[in-house]
Amino acid sequence: MQERGIAPPLTAGPHRQGARRLWLTVAVAATVVAADQATKWWAVHRLSTGSIHVAWKLDLVLGYNSGSSFSLAQGWGSALAVLAIVFVVVLLVSARRAQRALMSVAIGLIVGGALGNLVDRVARSHHSVVDFVALHFWPTFNVADSCIVVGGLLAGVALWRTPAVPAASPSEADAEADADAASPSEAEAEGEGR
């Protein structure tokens, strides 16, 4: 008679789930960078001949920003580029530990926005970020900037919706450690069963 083993769980393990979250983050980031660079290419080629009035206070106006968001830190492009690289690496590492797909999407939006603006700082001859959406009551911005803001808001929602995991009290942690020490390891148990 053939023995049956224990069936593997139907849900993905933590390693596999972390890899899926990372791939989701990377896919969202790549989509953001592509959309951002495509719209900036269009803006540079179309808006260099003049602005476009869309509606009310919304205009498309070509501008260049050598600073950070809201035109702060003008002339600090190189330092901002290094800071963006560090920021992107930290976010990608944290993406593997995202507990919800919403957080993975949020991190992807932020990473994609940071990389979209980083491409401008590194690849454009003037080392400035292309901005073109002008609301006239807000600093001029681009798709990457919008994705960073939306990603930040989504991250806040994801964190708000994630239930807090209560920490184990010191006595519970000691009891678990004692139980683990008292029980034989899996390897020893397998060896005895043969």
C-alpha atoms as a PDB file:
ATOM      1  CA  MET A   1       0.000   0.000   0.000  1.00  0.00           C
ATOM      2  CA  GLN A   2       1.258   3.451  -0.864  1.00  0.00           C
ATOM      3  CA  GLU A   3       1.530   6.107   1.867  1.00  0.00           C
ATOM      4  CA  ARG A   4       0.133   9.525   1.286  1.00  0.00           C
ATOM      5  CA  GLY A   5       2.061  12.570   2.323  1.00  0.00           C
ATOM      6  CA  ILE A   6       0.682  15.850   3.493  1.00  0.00           C
ATOM      7  CA  ALA A   7      -0.584  17.961   0.606  1.00  0.00           C
ATOM      8  CA  PRO A   8       1.184  21.286   0.131  1.00  0.00           C
ATOM      9  CA  PRO A   9      -0.835  24.333   1.167  1.00  0.00           C
ATOM     10  CA  LEU A  10      -2.925  26.001  -1.513  1.00  0.00           C
ATOM     11  CA  THR A  11      -1.666  29.469  -0.623  1.00  0.00           C
ATOM     12  CA  ALA A  12       1.747  30.710  -1.630  1.00  0.00           C
ATOM     13  CA  GLY A  13       4.462  30.744   1.001  1.00  0.00           C
ATOM     14  CA  PRO A  14       5.933  33.986   2.296  1.00  0.00           C
ATOM     15  CA  HIS A  15       8.935  33.813  -0.053  1.00  0.00           C
ATOM     16  CA  ARG A  16       6.771  33.332  -3.125  1.00  0.00           C
ATOM     17  CA  GLN A  17       4.304  35.990  -2.011  1.00  0.00           C
ATOM     18  CA  GLY A  18       7.195  38.437  -1.464  1.00  0.00           C
ATOM     19  CA  ALA A  19       8.461  37.758  -4.981  1.00  0.00           C
ATOM     20  CA  ARG A  20       4.974  38.367  -6.404  1.00  0.00           C
ATOM     21  CA  ARG A  21       4.673  41.659  -4.520  1.00  0.00           C
ATOM     22  CA  LEU A  22       8.078  42.728  -5.815  1.00  0.00           C
ATOM     23  CA  TRP A  23       7.117  41.867  -9.416  1.00  0.00           C
ATOM     24  CA  LEU A  24       3.881  43.844  -9.046  1.00  0.00           C
ATOM     25  CA  THR A  25       5.863  46.804  -7.734  1.00  0.00           C
ATOM     26  CA  VAL A  26       8.357  46.591 -10.609  1.00  0.00           C
ATOM     27  CA  ALA A  27       5.580  46.282 -13.219  1.00  0.00           C
ATOM     28  CA  VAL A  28       3.786  49.360 -11.873  1.00  0.00           C
ATOM     29  CA  ALA A  29       7.072  51.300 -11.690  1.00  0.00           C
ATOM     30  CA  ALA A  30       7.999  50.384 -15.279  1.00  0.00           C
ATOM     31  CA  THR A  31       4.560  51.482 -16.502  1.00  0.00           C
ATOM     32  CA  VAL A  32       4.915  54.810 -14.683  1.00  0.00           C
ATOM     33  CA  VAL A  33       8.389  55.450 -16.121  1.00  0.00           C
ATOM     34  CA  ALA A  34       7.165  54.652 -19.648  1.00  0.00           C
ATOM     35  CA  ALA A  35       4.107  56.905 -19.336  1.00  0.00           C
ATOM     36  CA  ASP A  36       6.132  59.686 -17.719  1.00  0.00           C
ATOM     37  CA  GLN A  37       8.867  59.655 -20.337  1.00  0.00           C
ATOM     38  CA  ALA A  38       6.358  59.452 -23.208  1.00  0.00           C
ATOM     39  CA  THR A  39       4.428  62.478 -21.922  1.00  0.00           C
ATOM     40  CA  LYS A  40       7.644  64.418 -21.317  1.00  0.00           C
ATOM     41  CA  TRP A  41       8.828  63.623 -24.851  1.00  0.00           C
ATOM     42  CA  TRP A  42       5.492  64.889 -26.170  1.00  0.00           C
ATOM     43  CA  ALA A  43       5.696  68.020 -23.989  1.00  0.00           C
ATOM     44  CA  VAL A  44       9.228  68.894 -25.125  1.00  0.00           C
ATOM     45  CA  HIS A  45       8.313  68.469 -28.799  1.00  0.00           C
ATOM     46  CA  ARG A  46       4.829  69.958 -28.778  1.00  0.00           C
ATOM     47  CA  LEU A  47       4.940  72.626 -26.073  1.00  0.00           C
ATOM     48  CA  SER A  48       8.242  74.171 -27.187  1.00  0.00           C
ATOM     49  CA  THR A  49       6.202  76.049 -29.793  1.00  0.00           C
ATOM     50  CA  GLY A  50       3.661  77.340 -27.271  1.00  0.00           C
ATOM     51  CA  SER A  51       1.399  76.382 -24.401  1.00  0.00           C
ATOM     52  CA  ILE A  52      -2.033  74.778 -24.624  1.00  0.00           C
ATOM     53  CA  HIS A  53      -4.995  75.997 -22.598  1.00  0.00           C
ATOM     54  CA  VAL A  54      -7.089  72.975 -21.582  1.00  0.00           C
ATOM     55  CA  ALA A  55      -9.803  74.295 -19.242  1.00  0.00           C
ATOM     56  CA  TRP A  56     -10.336  76.772 -16.423  1.00  0.00           C
ATOM     57  CA  LYS A  57      -6.914  77.060 -14.712  1.00  0.00           C
ATOM     58  CA  LEU A  58      -5.381  74.012 -16.405  1.00  0.00           C
ATOM     59  CA  ASP A  59      -2.712  74.742 -18.999  1.00  0.00           C
ATOM     60  CA  LEU A  60       0.048  72.642 -20.522  1.00  0.00           C
ATOM     61  CA  VAL A  61       3.202  74.759 -20.340  1.00  0.00           C
ATOM     62  CA  LEU A  62       6.754  73.530 -20.866  1.00  0.00           C
ATOM     63  CA  GLY A  63       9.039  74.152 -17.911  1.00  0.00           C
ATOM     64  CA  TYR A  64      12.276  72.794 -16.478  1.00  0.00           C
ATOM     65  CA  ASN A  65      12.988  72.226 -12.801  1.00  0.00           C
ATOM     66  CA  SER A  66      16.570  71.784 -11.607  1.00  0.00           C
ATOM     67  CA  GLY A  67      15.439  71.412  -7.991  1.00  0.00           C
ATOM     68  CA  SER A  68      13.157  69.087  -6.114  1.00  0.00           C
ATOM     69  CA  SER A  69       9.390  69.080  -5.825  1.00  0.00           C
ATOM     70  CA  PHE A  70       7.782  72.511  -5.766  1.00  0.00           C
ATOM     71  CA  SER A  71      11.015  73.984  -7.188  1.00  0.00           C
ATOM     72  CA  LEU A  72      12.869  73.681  -3.886  1.00  0.00           C
ATOM     73  CA  ALA A  73      16.633  72.989  -3.723  1.00  0.00           C
ATOM     74  CA  GLN A  74      17.430  74.615  -7.076  1.00  0.00           C
ATOM     75  CA  GLY A  75      20.844  73.578  -8.402  1.00  0.00           C
ATOM     76  CA  TRP A  76      21.083  70.484  -6.205  1.00  0.00           C
ATOM     77  CA  GLY A  77      20.379  68.083  -9.082  1.00  0.00           C
ATOM     78  CA  SER A  78      23.325  65.735  -8.455  1.00  0.00           C
ATOM     79  CA  ALA A  79      22.591  65.397  -4.749  1.00  0.00           C
ATOM     80  CA  LEU A  80      18.903  64.849  -5.508  1.00  0.00           C
ATOM     81  CA  ALA A  81      19.799  62.125  -8.031  1.00  0.00           C
ATOM     82  CA  VAL A  82      21.880  60.233  -5.439  1.00  0.00           C
ATOM     83  CA  LEU A  83      19.119  60.645  -2.869  1.00  0.00           C
ATOM     84  CA  ALA A  84      16.561  59.319  -5.379  1.00  0.00           C
ATOM     85  CA  ILE A  85      18.686  56.215  -6.054  1.00  0.00           C
ATOM     86  CA  VAL A  86      18.967  55.448  -2.328  1.00  0.00           C
ATOM     87  CA  PHE A  87      15.237  56.050  -1.895  1.00  0.00           C
ATOM     88  CA  VAL A  88      14.371  53.702  -4.775  1.00  0.00           C
ATOM     89  CA  VAL A  89      16.597  50.910  -3.422  1.00  0.00           C
ATOM     90  CA  VAL A  90      15.065  51.189   0.067  1.00  0.00           C
ATOM     91  CA  LEU A  91      11.538  51.094  -1.369  1.00  0.00           C
ATOM     92  CA  LEU A  92      12.282  48.080  -3.592  1.00  0.00           C
ATOM     93  CA  VAL A  93      13.687  46.169  -0.616  1.00  0.00           C
ATOM     94  CA  SER A  94      10.579  47.005   1.406  1.00  0.00           C
ATOM     95  CA  ALA A  95       8.290  45.964  -1.490  1.00  0.00           C
ATOM     96  CA  ARG A  96       9.073  42.291  -0.812  1.00  0.00           C
ATOM     97  CA  ARG A  97       7.592  42.681   2.662  1.00  0.00           C
ATOM     98  CA  ALA A  98       4.410  44.441   1.553  1.00  0.00           C
ATOM     99  CA  GLN A  99       1.449  42.663   3.107  1.00  0.00           C
ATOM    100  CA  ARG A 100      -1.128  43.887   0.599  1.00  0.00           C
ATOM    101  CA  ALA A 101      -1.174  44.312  -3.154  1.00  0.00           C
ATOM    102  CA  LEU A 102      -2.335  47.901  -2.575  1.00  0.00           C
ATOM    103  CA  MET A 103       0.951  48.668  -0.818  1.00  0.00           C
ATOM    104  CA  SER A 104       2.888  47.073  -3.693  1.00  0.00           C
ATOM    105  CA  VAL A 105       1.049  49.305  -6.166  1.00  0.00           C
ATOM    106  CA  ALA A 106       1.695  52.353  -3.972  1.00  0.00           C
ATOM    107  CA  ILE A 107       5.423  51.585  -3.767  1.00  0.00           C
ATOM    108  CA  GLY A 108       5.487  50.992  -7.544  1.00  0.00           C
ATOM    109  CA  LEU A 109       3.916  54.409  -8.181  1.00  0.00           C
ATOM    110  CA  ILE A 110       6.443  56.135  -5.914  1.00  0.00           C
ATOM    111  CA  VAL A 111       9.428  54.223  -7.340  1.00  0.00           C
ATOM    112  CA  GLY A 112       8.261  54.830 -10.921  1.00  0.00           C
ATOM    113  CA  GLY A 113       7.833  58.537 -10.257  1.00  0.00           C
ATOM    114  CA  ALA A 114      11.249  58.824  -8.649  1.00  0.00           C
ATOM    115  CA  LEU A 115      12.878  56.927 -11.533  1.00  0.00           C
ATOM    116  CA  GLY A 116      10.995  58.985 -14.142  1.00  0.00           C
ATOM    117  CA  ASN A 117      12.384  62.205 -12.698  1.00  0.00           C
ATOM    118  CA  LEU A 118      15.809  60.602 -12.202  1.00  0.00           C
ATOM    119  CA  VAL A 119      15.947  59.765 -15.921  1.00  0.00           C
ATOM    120  CA  ASP A 120      15.505  63.482 -16.659  1.00  0.00           C
ATOM    121  CA  ARG A 121      18.270  64.507 -14.256  1.00  0.00           C
ATOM    122  CA  VAL A 122      20.703  61.989 -15.738  1.00  0.00           C
ATOM    123  CA  ALA A 123      19.788  61.846 -19.437  1.00  0.00           C
ATOM    124  CA  ARG A 124      18.706  65.377 -20.371  1.00  0.00           C
ATOM    125  CA  SER A 125      21.408  67.828 -21.404  1.00  0.00           C
ATOM    126  CA  HIS A 126      20.206  70.488 -18.925  1.00  0.00           C
ATOM    127  CA  HIS A 127      19.931  67.943 -16.025  1.00  0.00           C
ATOM    128  CA  SER A 128      16.503  69.307 -15.150  1.00  0.00           C
ATOM    129  CA  VAL A 129      13.134  67.634 -14.807  1.00  0.00           C
ATOM    130  CA  VAL A 130      10.545  68.419 -17.488  1.00  0.00           C
ATOM    131  CA  ASP A 131       7.333  69.809 -15.980  1.00  0.00           C
ATOM    132  CA  PHE A 132       4.317  70.751 -18.055  1.00  0.00           C
ATOM    133  CA  VAL A 133       1.029  70.558 -16.147  1.00  0.00           C
ATOM    134  CA  ALA A 134       0.251  74.056 -14.866  1.00  0.00           C
ATOM    135  CA  LEU A 135      -2.705  74.717 -12.574  1.00  0.00           C
ATOM    136  CA  HIS A 136      -1.629  78.306 -11.697  1.00  0.00           C
ATOM    137  CA  PHE A 137      -2.487  77.793  -8.029  1.00  0.00           C
ATOM    138  CA  TRP A 138      -0.016  74.909  -7.645  1.00  0.00           C
ATOM    139  CA  PRO A 139       3.576  74.427  -8.838  1.00  0.00           C
ATOM    140  CA  THR A 140       3.938  73.007 -12.353  1.00  0.00           C
ATOM    141  CA  PHE A 141       4.296  69.219 -12.313  1.00  0.00           C
ATOM    142  CA  ASN A 142       4.426  66.073 -14.489  1.00  0.00           C
ATOM    143  CA  VAL A 143       3.155  62.472 -14.538  1.00  0.00           C
ATOM    144  CA  ALA A 144       5.988  61.265 -12.275  1.00  0.00           C
ATOM    145  CA  ASP A 145       5.151  63.890  -9.646  1.00  0.00           C
ATOM    146  CA  SER A 146       1.476  62.891  -9.785  1.00  0.00           C
ATOM    147  CA  CYS A 147       2.350  59.221  -9.338  1.00  0.00           C
ATOM    148  CA  ILE A 148       4.533  59.991  -6.319  1.00  0.00           C
ATOM    149  CA  VAL A 149       1.670  61.884  -4.654  1.00  0.00           C
ATOM    150  CA  VAL A 150      -0.958  59.245  -5.504  1.00  0.00           C
ATOM    151  CA  GLY A 151       1.434  56.490  -4.370  1.00  0.00           C
ATOM    152  CA  GLY A 152       1.975  58.267  -1.062  1.00  0.00           C
ATOM    153  CA  LEU A 153      -1.774  58.575  -0.536  1.00  0.00           C
ATOM    154  CA  LEU A 154      -2.326  54.896  -1.411  1.00  0.00           C
ATOM    155  CA  ALA A 155       0.464  53.875   0.974  1.00  0.00           C
ATOM    156  CA  GLY A 156      -1.296  55.804   3.716  1.00  0.00           C
ATOM    157  CA  VAL A 157      -4.575  54.029   2.938  1.00  0.00           C
ATOM    158  CA  ALA A 158      -2.825  50.641   2.855  1.00  0.00           C
ATOM    159  CA  LEU A 159      -1.162  51.275   6.203  1.00  0.00           C
ATOM    160  CA  TRP A 160      -4.446  52.486   7.685  1.00  0.00           C
ATOM    161  CA  ARG A 161      -6.257  49.343   6.493  1.00  0.00           C
ATOM    162  CA  THR A 162      -3.573  46.896   7.682  1.00  0.00           C
ATOM    163  CA  PRO A 163      -4.478  45.526  11.108  1.00  0.00           C
ATOM    164  CA  ALA A 164      -1.880  45.954  13.811  1.00  0.00           C
ATOM    165  CA  VAL A 165      -0.228  42.725  14.942  1.00  0.00           C
ATOM    166  CA  PRO A 166       0.023  42.684  18.734  1.00  0.00           C
ATOM    167  CA  ALA A 167       3.499  42.038  20.034  1.00  0.00           C
ATOM    168  CA  ALA A 168       3.996  38.929  22.134  1.00  0.00           C
ATOM    169  CA  SER A 169       4.542  39.627  25.807  1.00  0.00           C
ATOM    170  CA  PRO A 170       7.943  38.624  27.196  1.00  0.00           C
ATOM    171  CA  SER A 171       6.378  35.675  29.086  1.00  0.00           C
ATOM    172  CA  GLU A 172       4.713  34.360  25.886  1.00  0.00           C
ATOM    173  CA  ALA A 173       7.981  34.668  23.943  1.00  0.00           C
ATOM    174  CA  ASP A 174       9.847  32.787  26.720  1.00  0.00           C
ATOM    175  CA  ALA A 175       7.171  30.039  26.754  1.00  0.00           C
ATOM    176  CA  GLU A 176       7.465  29.599  22.961  1.00  0.00           C
ATOM    177  CA  ALA A 177      11.255  29.420  23.168  1.00  0.00           C
ATOM    178  CA  ASP A 178      11.035  26.820  25.953  1.00  0.00           C
ATOM    179  CA  ALA A 179       8.559  24.744  23.913  1.00  0.00           C
ATOM    180  CA  ASP A 180      10.825  24.865  20.853  1.00  0.00           C
ATOM    181  CA  ALA A 181      13.842  23.794  22.926  1.00  0.00           C
ATOM    182  CA  ALA A 182      11.940  20.915  24.527  1.00  0.00           C
ATOM    183  CA  SER A 183      10.622  19.426  21.273  1.00  0.00           C
ATOM    184  CA  PRO A 184      12.938  17.439  18.988  1.00  0.00           C
ATOM    185  CA  SER A 185      13.920  19.081  15.732  1.00  0.00           C
ATOM    186  CA  GLU A 186      12.288  17.970  12.482  1.00  0.00           C
ATOM    187  CA  ALA A 187      15.538  16.427  11.303  1.00  0.00           C
ATOM    188  CA  GLU A 188      15.843  14.332  14.490  1.00  0.00           C
ATOM    189  CA  ALA A 189      12.205  13.231  14.209  1.00  0.00           C
ATOM    190  CA  GLU A 190      12.710  12.102  10.594  1.00  0.00           C
ATOM    191  CA  GLY A 191      15.831  10.174  11.534  1.00  0.00           C
ATOM    192  CA  GLU A 192      14.036   8.294  14.332  1.00  0.00           C
ATOM    193  CA  GLY A 193      11.125   7.341  12.069  1.00  0.00           C
ATOM    194  CA  ARG A 194      13.285   5.422   9.628  1.00  0.00           C
END
